[in-house]
């Protein structure tokens, strides 16, 4: 059963003349939004009909986010334990298979058909090995190495990395990188975050299109819309954020899929793992940031990453031209 609307609850309180509490009322849900708990109490004289009501709204955004994060962490921890147990048993036969394939390709180097099919097997072995590696990386939960860095440089590295991989013909990549202050982040995790998003965008355009990556500064209100204005002098609400937008001109994401984008193992790709966006959001939130996705069929997809600016506000080195 969904959360009743506040207007419906108000009508019920006045009709039934009894208090009501509504949990999980959301505002601006498309932005990640805020979560509230609403208490309504009728105001009446004696046993008569209520002539008004008293309402109290409690902001429970942070608690809701914490609960969701704990649930995701517990789910990932369970998966990680399984991955750690099976990794050794899986990798040994995979390595043996790769060795056997290398031998066959050398021994029968003139057999075109054999080379074609062994290469397909080799690619699938590589994909499975990478899948296991991804599991282990999240299971081990290595402590991040935070340093002050240039987001633009990490984006260049990610785009270079994606560019060296197989890319559909007709896909162009443009970087519009603005002047940014530094952020404090783990370089390896940030590279993984940007690479995941860029690769997803490129793979979403098998018949061609364009990926545009833009960086700029965002206000705290945009980056963390769930934080009330009254806390503007404390924590994230008082800080600017670096905004990184990845916009592709692909087919967009169907409505029935958008609600499950961040669920692990949820993928529509034939060879996808369903962990890319799940891990990307974990990385963004682990850096005090946020990841948002907007998309519509035939209108492409925009993935936006918000990262808190380093408190020193020292401009990062951006002397390299955008590619």
C-alpha atoms as a PDB file:
ATOM      1  CA  UNK A   1       0.000   0.000   0.000  1.00  0.00           C
ATOM      2  CA  UNK A   2       1.395   3.424  -0.931  1.00  0.00           C
ATOM      3  CA  UNK A   3       1.731   6.474   1.257  1.00  0.00           C
ATOM      4  CA  UNK A   4      -1.594   8.388   1.415  1.00  0.00           C
ATOM      5  CA  UNK A   5      -1.583  11.996   0.268  1.00  0.00           C
ATOM      6  CA  UNK A   6      -1.595  14.706   2.914  1.00  0.00           C
ATOM      7  CA  UNK A   7      -4.880  16.109   1.579  1.00  0.00           C
ATOM      8  CA  UNK A   8      -6.524  12.688   1.929  1.00  0.00           C
ATOM      9  CA  UNK A   9      -5.199  12.347   5.472  1.00  0.00           C
ATOM     10  CA  UNK A  10      -6.493  15.815   6.397  1.00  0.00           C
ATOM     11  CA  UNK A  11      -9.974  14.873   5.182  1.00  0.00           C
ATOM     12  CA  UNK A  12      -9.865  11.635   7.194  1.00  0.00           C
ATOM     13  CA  UNK A  13      -8.742  13.404  10.381  1.00  0.00           C
ATOM     14  CA  UNK A  14     -11.588  15.918  10.136  1.00  0.00           C
ATOM     15  CA  UNK A  15     -14.134  13.235   9.288  1.00  0.00           C
ATOM     16  CA  UNK A  16     -13.087  10.689  11.920  1.00  0.00           C
ATOM     17  CA  UNK A  17     -12.063  13.250  14.563  1.00  0.00           C
ATOM     18  CA  UNK A  18      -8.938  11.342  15.507  1.00  0.00           C
ATOM     19  CA  UNK A  19      -5.195  11.963  15.051  1.00  0.00           C
ATOM     20  CA  UNK A  20      -3.188  10.420  12.247  1.00  0.00           C
ATOM     21  CA  UNK A  21       0.512   9.980  11.472  1.00  0.00           C
ATOM     22  CA  UNK A  22       1.739   9.681   7.885  1.00  0.00           C
ATOM     23  CA  UNK A  23       5.171   8.133   7.356  1.00  0.00           C
ATOM     24  CA  UNK A  24       7.320   8.556   4.272  1.00  0.00           C
ATOM     25  CA  UNK A  25       5.815  11.662   2.698  1.00  0.00           C
ATOM     26  CA  UNK A  26       8.137  12.649  -0.160  1.00  0.00           C
ATOM     27  CA  UNK A  27       8.785  16.001  -1.786  1.00  0.00           C
ATOM     28  CA  UNK A  28      10.631  16.498  -5.094  1.00  0.00           C
ATOM     29  CA  UNK A  29      11.145  12.757  -5.370  1.00  0.00           C
ATOM     30  CA  UNK A  30      12.632  13.092  -8.859  1.00  0.00           C
ATOM     31  CA  UNK A  31      15.687  14.830  -7.340  1.00  0.00           C
ATOM     32  CA  UNK A  32      16.211  12.362  -4.543  1.00  0.00           C
ATOM     33  CA  UNK A  33      14.095  14.802  -2.550  1.00  0.00           C
ATOM     34  CA  UNK A  34      13.147  14.992   1.086  1.00  0.00           C
ATOM     35  CA  UNK A  35      11.243  12.582   3.319  1.00  0.00           C
ATOM     36  CA  UNK A  36       8.860  13.819   6.010  1.00  0.00           C
ATOM     37  CA  UNK A  37       6.763  12.426   8.842  1.00  0.00           C
ATOM     38  CA  UNK A  38       3.482  14.316   9.198  1.00  0.00           C
ATOM     39  CA  UNK A  39       1.410  14.344  12.414  1.00  0.00           C
ATOM     40  CA  UNK A  40      -2.166  15.606  12.213  1.00  0.00           C
ATOM     41  CA  UNK A  41      -4.415  16.209  15.216  1.00  0.00           C
ATOM     42  CA  UNK A  42      -8.018  17.502  15.116  1.00  0.00           C
ATOM     43  CA  UNK A  43      -8.929  20.625  17.074  1.00  0.00           C
ATOM     44  CA  UNK A  44     -12.371  20.526  18.646  1.00  0.00           C
ATOM     45  CA  UNK A  45     -14.254  21.745  21.697  1.00  0.00           C
ATOM     46  CA  UNK A  46     -15.438  18.938  23.899  1.00  0.00           C
ATOM     47  CA  UNK A  47     -17.152  16.135  21.995  1.00  0.00           C
ATOM     48  CA  UNK A  48     -18.162  18.351  19.087  1.00  0.00           C
ATOM     49  CA  UNK A  49     -17.097  18.208  15.490  1.00  0.00           C
ATOM     50  CA  UNK A  50     -13.522  19.384  14.804  1.00  0.00           C
ATOM     51  CA  UNK A  51     -13.255  22.950  13.560  1.00  0.00           C
ATOM     52  CA  UNK A  52      -9.614  22.718  12.524  1.00  0.00           C
ATOM     53  CA  UNK A  53      -6.492  20.673  12.888  1.00  0.00           C
ATOM     54  CA  UNK A  54      -2.921  20.966  14.103  1.00  0.00           C
ATOM     55  CA  UNK A  55      -0.177  19.694  11.829  1.00  0.00           C
ATOM     56  CA  UNK A  56       3.459  18.937  12.621  1.00  0.00           C
ATOM     57  CA  UNK A  57       6.016  18.104   9.927  1.00  0.00           C
ATOM     58  CA  UNK A  58       9.233  16.296  10.891  1.00  0.00           C
ATOM     59  CA  UNK A  59      12.142  16.109   8.442  1.00  0.00           C
ATOM     60  CA  UNK A  60      13.339  12.499   8.322  1.00  0.00           C
ATOM     61  CA  UNK A  61      15.395  12.731   5.131  1.00  0.00           C
ATOM     62  CA  UNK A  62      18.725  11.862   6.702  1.00  0.00           C
ATOM     63  CA  UNK A  63      17.272   8.926   8.648  1.00  0.00           C
ATOM     64  CA  UNK A  64      15.621   7.547   5.501  1.00  0.00           C
ATOM     65  CA  UNK A  65      18.847   7.878   3.530  1.00  0.00           C
ATOM     66  CA  UNK A  66      20.809   6.169   6.291  1.00  0.00           C
ATOM     67  CA  UNK A  67      18.341   3.276   6.437  1.00  0.00           C
ATOM     68  CA  UNK A  68      18.467   2.851   2.660  1.00  0.00           C
ATOM     69  CA  UNK A  69      22.255   2.925   2.702  1.00  0.00           C
ATOM     70  CA  UNK A  70      22.409   0.317   5.477  1.00  0.00           C
ATOM     71  CA  UNK A  71      20.074  -1.958   3.509  1.00  0.00           C
ATOM     72  CA  UNK A  72      22.191  -1.608   0.368  1.00  0.00           C
ATOM     73  CA  UNK A  73      25.377  -2.241   2.337  1.00  0.00           C
ATOM     74  CA  UNK A  74      23.940  -5.371   3.946  1.00  0.00           C
ATOM     75  CA  UNK A  75      22.801  -6.681   0.570  1.00  0.00           C
ATOM     76  CA  UNK A  76      26.201  -6.005  -0.971  1.00  0.00           C
ATOM     77  CA  UNK A  77      27.992  -7.575   2.007  1.00  0.00           C
ATOM     78  CA  UNK A  78      26.038 -10.802   1.501  1.00  0.00           C
ATOM     79  CA  UNK A  79      26.915 -10.821  -2.172  1.00  0.00           C
ATOM     80  CA  UNK A  80      30.543 -10.060  -1.343  1.00  0.00           C
ATOM     81  CA  UNK A  81      30.827 -13.046   0.985  1.00  0.00           C
ATOM     82  CA  UNK A  82      29.582 -15.336  -1.752  1.00  0.00           C
ATOM     83  CA  UNK A  83      31.962 -13.761  -4.261  1.00  0.00           C
ATOM     84  CA  UNK A  84      34.954 -14.137  -1.935  1.00  0.00           C
ATOM     85  CA  UNK A  85      34.137 -17.809  -1.365  1.00  0.00           C
ATOM     86  CA  UNK A  86      33.692 -18.640  -5.035  1.00  0.00           C
ATOM     87  CA  UNK A  87      36.371 -16.406  -6.574  1.00  0.00           C
ATOM     88  CA  UNK A  88      39.239 -18.830  -6.072  1.00  0.00           C
ATOM     89  CA  UNK A  89      37.265 -21.804  -7.418  1.00  0.00           C
ATOM     90  CA  UNK A  90      36.128 -19.801 -10.432  1.00  0.00           C
ATOM     91  CA  UNK A  91      39.436 -18.153 -11.338  1.00  0.00           C
ATOM     92  CA  UNK A  92      41.509 -21.331 -11.375  1.00  0.00           C
ATOM     93  CA  UNK A  93      39.522 -23.042 -14.162  1.00  0.00           C
ATOM     94  CA  UNK A  94      39.252 -19.724 -16.021  1.00  0.00           C
ATOM     95  CA  UNK A  95      43.045 -19.389 -16.070  1.00  0.00           C
ATOM     96  CA  UNK A  96      43.367 -22.991 -17.247  1.00  0.00           C
ATOM     97  CA  UNK A  97      40.873 -22.337 -20.033  1.00  0.00           C
ATOM     98  CA  UNK A  98      42.740 -19.223 -21.179  1.00  0.00           C
ATOM     99  CA  UNK A  99      45.963 -21.216 -21.278  1.00  0.00           C
ATOM    100  CA  UNK A 100      44.342 -23.965 -23.336  1.00  0.00           C
ATOM    101  CA  UNK A 101      42.900 -21.414 -25.761  1.00  0.00           C
ATOM    102  CA  UNK A 102      46.293 -19.750 -26.201  1.00  0.00           C
ATOM    103  CA  UNK A 103      47.794 -23.153 -27.026  1.00  0.00           C
ATOM    104  CA  UNK A 104      45.075 -23.942 -29.586  1.00  0.00           C
ATOM    105  CA  UNK A 105      45.430 -20.541 -31.251  1.00  0.00           C
ATOM    106  CA  UNK A 106      49.178 -21.070 -31.594  1.00  0.00           C
ATOM    107  CA  UNK A 107      48.949 -24.716 -32.685  1.00  0.00           C
ATOM    108  CA  UNK A 108      46.221 -24.117 -35.272  1.00  0.00           C
ATOM    109  CA  UNK A 109      47.041 -20.555 -36.306  1.00  0.00           C
ATOM    110  CA  UNK A 110      45.911 -21.219 -39.887  1.00  0.00           C
ATOM    111  CA  UNK A 111      42.444 -22.442 -38.907  1.00  0.00           C
ATOM    112  CA  UNK A 112      40.340 -19.299 -39.318  1.00  0.00           C
ATOM    113  CA  UNK A 113      37.134 -20.848 -37.968  1.00  0.00           C
ATOM    114  CA  UNK A 114      38.851 -22.203 -34.859  1.00  0.00           C
ATOM    115  CA  UNK A 115      40.518 -18.845 -34.211  1.00  0.00           C
ATOM    116  CA  UNK A 116      37.169 -17.078 -34.509  1.00  0.00           C
ATOM    117  CA  UNK A 117      35.397 -19.301 -32.010  1.00  0.00           C
ATOM    118  CA  UNK A 118      38.282 -19.498 -29.524  1.00  0.00           C
ATOM    119  CA  UNK A 119      38.413 -15.708 -29.529  1.00  0.00           C
ATOM    120  CA  UNK A 120      34.718 -15.592 -28.601  1.00  0.00           C
ATOM    121  CA  UNK A 121      35.409 -17.995 -25.728  1.00  0.00           C
ATOM    122  CA  UNK A 122      38.386 -15.882 -24.667  1.00  0.00           C
ATOM    123  CA  UNK A 123      36.263 -12.721 -24.563  1.00  0.00           C
ATOM    124  CA  UNK A 124      33.641 -14.427 -22.411  1.00  0.00           C
ATOM    125  CA  UNK A 125      36.318 -15.694 -20.011  1.00  0.00           C
ATOM    126  CA  UNK A 126      37.697 -12.160 -19.708  1.00  0.00           C
ATOM    127  CA  UNK A 127      34.213 -10.798 -19.017  1.00  0.00           C
ATOM    128  CA  UNK A 128      33.545 -13.411 -16.325  1.00  0.00           C
ATOM    129  CA  UNK A 129      36.918 -12.738 -14.712  1.00  0.00           C
ATOM    130  CA  UNK A 130      36.169  -8.998 -14.627  1.00  0.00           C
ATOM    131  CA  UNK A 131      32.782  -9.747 -13.086  1.00  0.00           C
ATOM    132  CA  UNK A 132      34.436 -11.694 -10.243  1.00  0.00           C
ATOM    133  CA  UNK A 133      36.997  -8.909  -9.756  1.00  0.00           C
ATOM    134  CA  UNK A 134      34.205  -6.358  -9.382  1.00  0.00           C
ATOM    135  CA  UNK A 135      32.576  -8.520  -6.716  1.00  0.00           C
ATOM    136  CA  UNK A 136      35.802  -8.811  -4.759  1.00  0.00           C
ATOM    137  CA  UNK A 137      36.594  -5.112  -4.958  1.00  0.00           C
ATOM    138  CA  UNK A 138      33.272  -4.246  -3.328  1.00  0.00           C
ATOM    139  CA  UNK A 139      33.487  -7.113  -0.821  1.00  0.00           C
ATOM    140  CA  UNK A 140      36.878  -6.042   0.493  1.00  0.00           C
ATOM    141  CA  UNK A 141      35.731  -2.436   0.946  1.00  0.00           C
ATOM    142  CA  UNK A 142      39.260  -1.033   0.805  1.00  0.00           C
ATOM    143  CA  UNK A 143      39.693   2.225   2.696  1.00  0.00           C
ATOM    144  CA  UNK A 144      39.582   5.127   0.226  1.00  0.00           C
ATOM    145  CA  UNK A 145      42.715   7.244  -0.203  1.00  0.00           C
ATOM    146  CA  UNK A 146      41.426  10.815  -0.053  1.00  0.00           C
ATOM    147  CA  UNK A 147      43.527  13.535  -1.664  1.00  0.00           C
ATOM    148  CA  UNK A 148      42.816  16.983  -3.072  1.00  0.00           C
ATOM    149  CA  UNK A 149      42.453  16.534  -6.821  1.00  0.00           C
ATOM    150  CA  UNK A 150      41.252  17.948 -10.125  1.00  0.00           C
ATOM    151  CA  UNK A 151      37.942  16.439 -11.230  1.00  0.00           C
ATOM    152  CA  UNK A 152      38.568  17.520 -14.826  1.00  0.00           C
ATOM    153  CA  UNK A 153      41.764  15.484 -14.968  1.00  0.00           C
ATOM    154  CA  UNK A 154      39.975  12.368 -13.705  1.00  0.00           C
ATOM    155  CA  UNK A 155      37.328  12.868 -16.400  1.00  0.00           C
ATOM    156  CA  UNK A 156      40.026  13.106 -19.085  1.00  0.00           C
ATOM    157  CA  UNK A 157      41.535   9.862 -17.838  1.00  0.00           C
ATOM    158  CA  UNK A 158      38.137   8.137 -17.853  1.00  0.00           C
ATOM    159  CA  UNK A 159      37.332   9.303 -21.393  1.00  0.00           C
ATOM    160  CA  UNK A 160      40.774   8.216 -22.603  1.00  0.00           C
ATOM    161  CA  UNK A 161      40.216   4.803 -21.037  1.00  0.00           C
ATOM    162  CA  UNK A 162      36.772   4.385 -22.596  1.00  0.00           C
ATOM    163  CA  UNK A 163      38.100   5.653 -25.933  1.00  0.00           C
ATOM    164  CA  UNK A 164      40.690   2.888 -26.055  1.00  0.00           C
ATOM    165  CA  UNK A 165      37.988   0.251 -25.775  1.00  0.00           C
ATOM    166  CA  UNK A 166      35.762  -0.898 -28.609  1.00  0.00           C
ATOM    167  CA  UNK A 167      33.383   1.948 -29.448  1.00  0.00           C
ATOM    168  CA  UNK A 168      30.450   1.859 -31.864  1.00  0.00           C
ATOM    169  CA  UNK A 169      31.018   3.696 -35.146  1.00  0.00           C
ATOM    170  CA  UNK A 170      29.499   7.147 -35.225  1.00  0.00           C
ATOM    171  CA  UNK A 171      29.759   7.841 -31.477  1.00  0.00           C
ATOM    172  CA  UNK A 172      31.437  11.163 -30.714  1.00  0.00           C
ATOM    173  CA  UNK A 173      32.634  12.276 -27.286  1.00  0.00           C
ATOM    174  CA  UNK A 174      32.916  15.946 -26.321  1.00  0.00           C
ATOM    175  CA  UNK A 175      34.265  17.370 -23.063  1.00  0.00           C
ATOM    176  CA  UNK A 176      33.235  20.875 -21.956  1.00  0.00           C
ATOM    177  CA  UNK A 177      35.231  21.223 -18.752  1.00  0.00           C
ATOM    178  CA  UNK A 178      34.807  24.396 -16.728  1.00  0.00           C
ATOM    179  CA  UNK A 179      37.067  26.090 -14.201  1.00  0.00           C
ATOM    180  CA  UNK A 180      36.687  24.110 -10.977  1.00  0.00           C
ATOM    181  CA  UNK A 181      37.949  24.226  -7.413  1.00  0.00           C
ATOM    182  CA  UNK A 182      39.542  21.073  -6.053  1.00  0.00           C
ATOM    183  CA  UNK A 183      37.636  18.248  -4.425  1.00  0.00           C
ATOM    184  CA  UNK A 184      38.850  15.757  -1.837  1.00  0.00           C
ATOM    185  CA  UNK A 185      38.387  12.258  -3.238  1.00  0.00           C
ATOM    186  CA  UNK A 186      39.958   8.884  -3.914  1.00  0.00           C
ATOM    187  CA  UNK A 187      41.450   9.085  -7.452  1.00  0.00           C
ATOM    188  CA  UNK A 188      40.905   5.395  -8.191  1.00  0.00           C
ATOM    189  CA  UNK A 189      37.283   5.418  -7.099  1.00  0.00           C
ATOM    190  CA  UNK A 190      36.558   8.637  -8.979  1.00  0.00           C
ATOM    191  CA  UNK A 191      38.098   7.161 -12.130  1.00  0.00           C
ATOM    192  CA  UNK A 192      35.894   4.087 -11.729  1.00  0.00           C
ATOM    193  CA  UNK A 193      32.822   6.279 -11.179  1.00  0.00           C
ATOM    194  CA  UNK A 194      33.377   8.359 -14.319  1.00  0.00           C
ATOM    195  CA  UNK A 195      34.447   5.360 -16.411  1.00  0.00           C
ATOM    196  CA  UNK A 196      31.307   3.414 -15.476  1.00  0.00           C
ATOM    197  CA  UNK A 197      29.027   6.280 -16.473  1.00  0.00           C
ATOM    198  CA  UNK A 198      30.868   7.091 -19.715  1.00  0.00           C
ATOM    199  CA  UNK A 199      30.974   3.428 -20.757  1.00  0.00           C
ATOM    200  CA  UNK A 200      27.243   3.036 -20.068  1.00  0.00           C
ATOM    201  CA  UNK A 201      26.511   6.084 -22.211  1.00  0.00           C
ATOM    202  CA  UNK A 202      28.632   4.882 -25.130  1.00  0.00           C
ATOM    203  CA  UNK A 203      27.137   1.377 -24.995  1.00  0.00           C
ATOM    204  CA  UNK A 204      23.643   2.910 -25.075  1.00  0.00           C
ATOM    205  CA  UNK A 205      24.319   4.241 -28.608  1.00  0.00           C
ATOM    206  CA  UNK A 206      25.117   1.166 -30.741  1.00  0.00           C
ATOM    207  CA  UNK A 207      24.056   2.934 -33.946  1.00  0.00           C
ATOM    208  CA  UNK A 208      25.854   6.197 -33.201  1.00  0.00           C
ATOM    209  CA  UNK A 209      25.234   9.396 -31.284  1.00  0.00           C
ATOM    210  CA  UNK A 210      27.078  11.803 -29.038  1.00  0.00           C
ATOM    211  CA  UNK A 211      28.232  11.902 -25.436  1.00  0.00           C
ATOM    212  CA  UNK A 212      28.827  15.324 -23.913  1.00  0.00           C
ATOM    213  CA  UNK A 213      30.532  15.684 -20.545  1.00  0.00           C
ATOM    214  CA  UNK A 214      30.246  19.049 -18.802  1.00  0.00           C
ATOM    215  CA  UNK A 215      31.654  20.243 -15.488  1.00  0.00           C
ATOM    216  CA  UNK A 216      30.557  23.299 -13.527  1.00  0.00           C
ATOM    217  CA  UNK A 217      29.727  24.548 -10.037  1.00  0.00           C
ATOM    218  CA  UNK A 218      26.367  23.799  -8.403  1.00  0.00           C
ATOM    219  CA  UNK A 219      24.749  25.314  -5.343  1.00  0.00           C
ATOM    220  CA  UNK A 220      24.229  23.256  -2.208  1.00  0.00           C
ATOM    221  CA  UNK A 221      20.459  23.536  -2.718  1.00  0.00           C
ATOM    222  CA  UNK A 222      20.746  21.807  -6.086  1.00  0.00           C
ATOM    223  CA  UNK A 223      23.291  19.214  -4.999  1.00  0.00           C
ATOM    224  CA  UNK A 224      21.505  18.221  -1.780  1.00  0.00           C
ATOM    225  CA  UNK A 225      17.833  19.227  -2.239  1.00  0.00           C
ATOM    226  CA  UNK A 226      16.709  17.223   0.780  1.00  0.00           C
ATOM    227  CA  UNK A 227      18.612  19.389   3.268  1.00  0.00           C
ATOM    228  CA  UNK A 228      16.375  22.125   4.743  1.00  0.00           C
ATOM    229  CA  UNK A 229      17.427  25.747   4.343  1.00  0.00           C
ATOM    230  CA  UNK A 230      17.585  26.281   8.097  1.00  0.00           C
ATOM    231  CA  UNK A 231      20.738  24.161   8.174  1.00  0.00           C
ATOM    232  CA  UNK A 232      22.516  26.339   5.642  1.00  0.00           C
ATOM    233  CA  UNK A 233      25.241  27.179   8.120  1.00  0.00           C
ATOM    234  CA  UNK A 234      26.161  23.596   8.821  1.00  0.00           C
ATOM    235  CA  UNK A 235      27.761  20.786   6.852  1.00  0.00           C
ATOM    236  CA  UNK A 236      26.841  20.078   3.259  1.00  0.00           C
ATOM    237  CA  UNK A 237      24.147  22.715   3.096  1.00  0.00           C
ATOM    238  CA  UNK A 238      26.786  25.475   3.351  1.00  0.00           C
ATOM    239  CA  UNK A 239      29.054  24.050   0.654  1.00  0.00           C
ATOM    240  CA  UNK A 240      29.191  24.334  -3.083  1.00  0.00           C
ATOM    241  CA  UNK A 241      29.463  21.229  -5.199  1.00  0.00           C
ATOM    242  CA  UNK A 242      31.190  20.267  -8.403  1.00  0.00           C
ATOM    243  CA  UNK A 243      28.600  19.210 -10.984  1.00  0.00           C
ATOM    244  CA  UNK A 244      29.580  16.616 -13.617  1.00  0.00           C
ATOM    245  CA  UNK A 245      26.987  15.920 -16.324  1.00  0.00           C
ATOM    246  CA  UNK A 246      27.146  13.030 -18.791  1.00  0.00           C
ATOM    247  CA  UNK A 247      24.538  13.513 -21.522  1.00  0.00           C
ATOM    248  CA  UNK A 248      24.059  10.972 -24.305  1.00  0.00           C
ATOM    249  CA  UNK A 249      21.738  11.075 -27.296  1.00  0.00           C
ATOM    250  CA  UNK A 250      20.789   7.416 -27.012  1.00  0.00           C
ATOM    251  CA  UNK A 251      17.267   5.988 -26.921  1.00  0.00           C
ATOM    252  CA  UNK A 252      16.719   6.930 -23.271  1.00  0.00           C
ATOM    253  CA  UNK A 253      15.540   4.704 -20.440  1.00  0.00           C
ATOM    254  CA  UNK A 254      12.062   3.215 -20.371  1.00  0.00           C
ATOM    255  CA  UNK A 255       9.855   4.272 -17.459  1.00  0.00           C
ATOM    256  CA  UNK A 256       9.524   0.722 -16.104  1.00  0.00           C
ATOM    257  CA  UNK A 257      13.320   0.459 -15.865  1.00  0.00           C
ATOM    258  CA  UNK A 258      14.060   3.868 -14.322  1.00  0.00           C
ATOM    259  CA  UNK A 259      12.771   2.840 -10.900  1.00  0.00           C
ATOM    260  CA  UNK A 260      15.252  -0.056 -10.751  1.00  0.00           C
ATOM    261  CA  UNK A 261      18.390   1.630 -12.111  1.00  0.00           C
ATOM    262  CA  UNK A 262      20.371   1.375  -8.882  1.00  0.00           C
ATOM    263  CA  UNK A 263      19.435  -2.182  -7.983  1.00  0.00           C
ATOM    264  CA  UNK A 264      22.361  -4.626  -8.190  1.00  0.00           C
ATOM    265  CA  UNK A 265      22.220  -7.151 -11.047  1.00  0.00           C
ATOM    266  CA  UNK A 266      19.468  -5.198 -12.787  1.00  0.00           C
ATOM    267  CA  UNK A 267      20.534  -4.825 -16.419  1.00  0.00           C
ATOM    268  CA  UNK A 268      19.024  -4.881 -19.893  1.00  0.00           C
ATOM    269  CA  UNK A 269      22.406  -5.507 -21.543  1.00  0.00           C
ATOM    270  CA  UNK A 270      23.153  -8.934 -22.926  1.00  0.00           C
ATOM    271  CA  UNK A 271      26.647  -8.908 -21.398  1.00  0.00           C
ATOM    272  CA  UNK A 272      26.045  -6.488 -18.529  1.00  0.00           C
ATOM    273  CA  UNK A 273      26.607  -7.248 -14.850  1.00  0.00           C
ATOM    274  CA  UNK A 274      24.002  -4.844 -13.477  1.00  0.00           C
ATOM    275  CA  UNK A 275      26.544  -3.426 -11.019  1.00  0.00           C
ATOM    276  CA  UNK A 276      27.761  -0.304 -12.849  1.00  0.00           C
ATOM    277  CA  UNK A 277      25.251   2.272 -11.609  1.00  0.00           C
ATOM    278  CA  UNK A 278      24.888   0.532  -8.251  1.00  0.00           C
ATOM    279  CA  UNK A 279      28.630   0.850  -7.600  1.00  0.00           C
ATOM    280  CA  UNK A 280      28.711   4.369  -9.082  1.00  0.00           C
ATOM    281  CA  UNK A 281      26.100   5.594  -6.618  1.00  0.00           C
ATOM    282  CA  UNK A 282      27.947   3.920  -3.740  1.00  0.00           C
ATOM    283  CA  UNK A 283      31.132   5.761  -4.733  1.00  0.00           C
ATOM    284  CA  UNK A 284      29.376   9.130  -5.096  1.00  0.00           C
ATOM    285  CA  UNK A 285      27.632   8.829  -1.728  1.00  0.00           C
ATOM    286  CA  UNK A 286      30.826   7.544  -0.110  1.00  0.00           C
ATOM    287  CA  UNK A 287      32.388  10.887  -1.059  1.00  0.00           C
ATOM    288  CA  UNK A 288      29.506  12.874   0.444  1.00  0.00           C
ATOM    289  CA  UNK A 289      28.041  13.448  -3.003  1.00  0.00           C
ATOM    290  CA  UNK A 290      25.000  12.421  -4.990  1.00  0.00           C
ATOM    291  CA  UNK A 291      24.219  10.767  -8.319  1.00  0.00           C
ATOM    292  CA  UNK A 292      21.043  11.615 -10.249  1.00  0.00           C
ATOM    293  CA  UNK A 293      19.639  10.242 -13.509  1.00  0.00           C
ATOM    294  CA  UNK A 294      17.126  11.936 -15.799  1.00  0.00           C
ATOM    295  CA  UNK A 295      15.939  10.214 -18.946  1.00  0.00           C
ATOM    296  CA  UNK A 296      13.036   9.793 -21.306  1.00  0.00           C
ATOM    297  CA  UNK A 297      12.501   7.548 -24.324  1.00  0.00           C
ATOM    298  CA  UNK A 298      13.924   9.122 -27.518  1.00  0.00           C
ATOM    299  CA  UNK A 299      15.392  12.048 -25.559  1.00  0.00           C
ATOM    300  CA  UNK A 300      18.627  10.551 -24.296  1.00  0.00           C
ATOM    301  CA  UNK A 301      19.901  10.246 -20.754  1.00  0.00           C
ATOM    302  CA  UNK A 302      21.727  12.606 -18.413  1.00  0.00           C
ATOM    303  CA  UNK A 303      23.651  11.268 -15.435  1.00  0.00           C
ATOM    304  CA  UNK A 304      24.726  13.997 -13.012  1.00  0.00           C
ATOM    305  CA  UNK A 305      27.317  13.565 -10.276  1.00  0.00           C
ATOM    306  CA  UNK A 306      27.577  16.098  -7.446  1.00  0.00           C
ATOM    307  CA  UNK A 307      30.738  16.143  -5.315  1.00  0.00           C
ATOM    308  CA  UNK A 308      31.360  18.507  -2.384  1.00  0.00           C
ATOM    309  CA  UNK A 309      34.035  21.110  -2.982  1.00  0.00           C
ATOM    310  CA  UNK A 310      37.221  20.911  -0.935  1.00  0.00           C
ATOM    311  CA  UNK A 311      36.825  23.276   2.028  1.00  0.00           C
ATOM    312  CA  UNK A 312      40.002  25.107   1.059  1.00  0.00           C
ATOM    313  CA  UNK A 313      38.429  26.193  -2.253  1.00  0.00           C
ATOM    314  CA  UNK A 314      41.861  26.066  -3.902  1.00  0.00           C
ATOM    315  CA  UNK A 315      41.423  26.039  -7.700  1.00  0.00           C
ATOM    316  CA  UNK A 316      42.524  22.770  -9.245  1.00  0.00           C
ATOM    317  CA  UNK A 317      45.122  22.678 -12.009  1.00  0.00           C
ATOM    318  CA  UNK A 318      43.254  22.755 -15.321  1.00  0.00           C
ATOM    319  CA  UNK A 319      46.040  23.756 -17.702  1.00  0.00           C
ATOM    320  CA  UNK A 320      45.394  20.788 -20.013  1.00  0.00           C
ATOM    321  CA  UNK A 321      42.908  21.567 -22.800  1.00  0.00           C
ATOM    322  CA  UNK A 322      39.642  19.653 -22.857  1.00  0.00           C
ATOM    323  CA  UNK A 323      39.592  16.877 -25.436  1.00  0.00           C
END
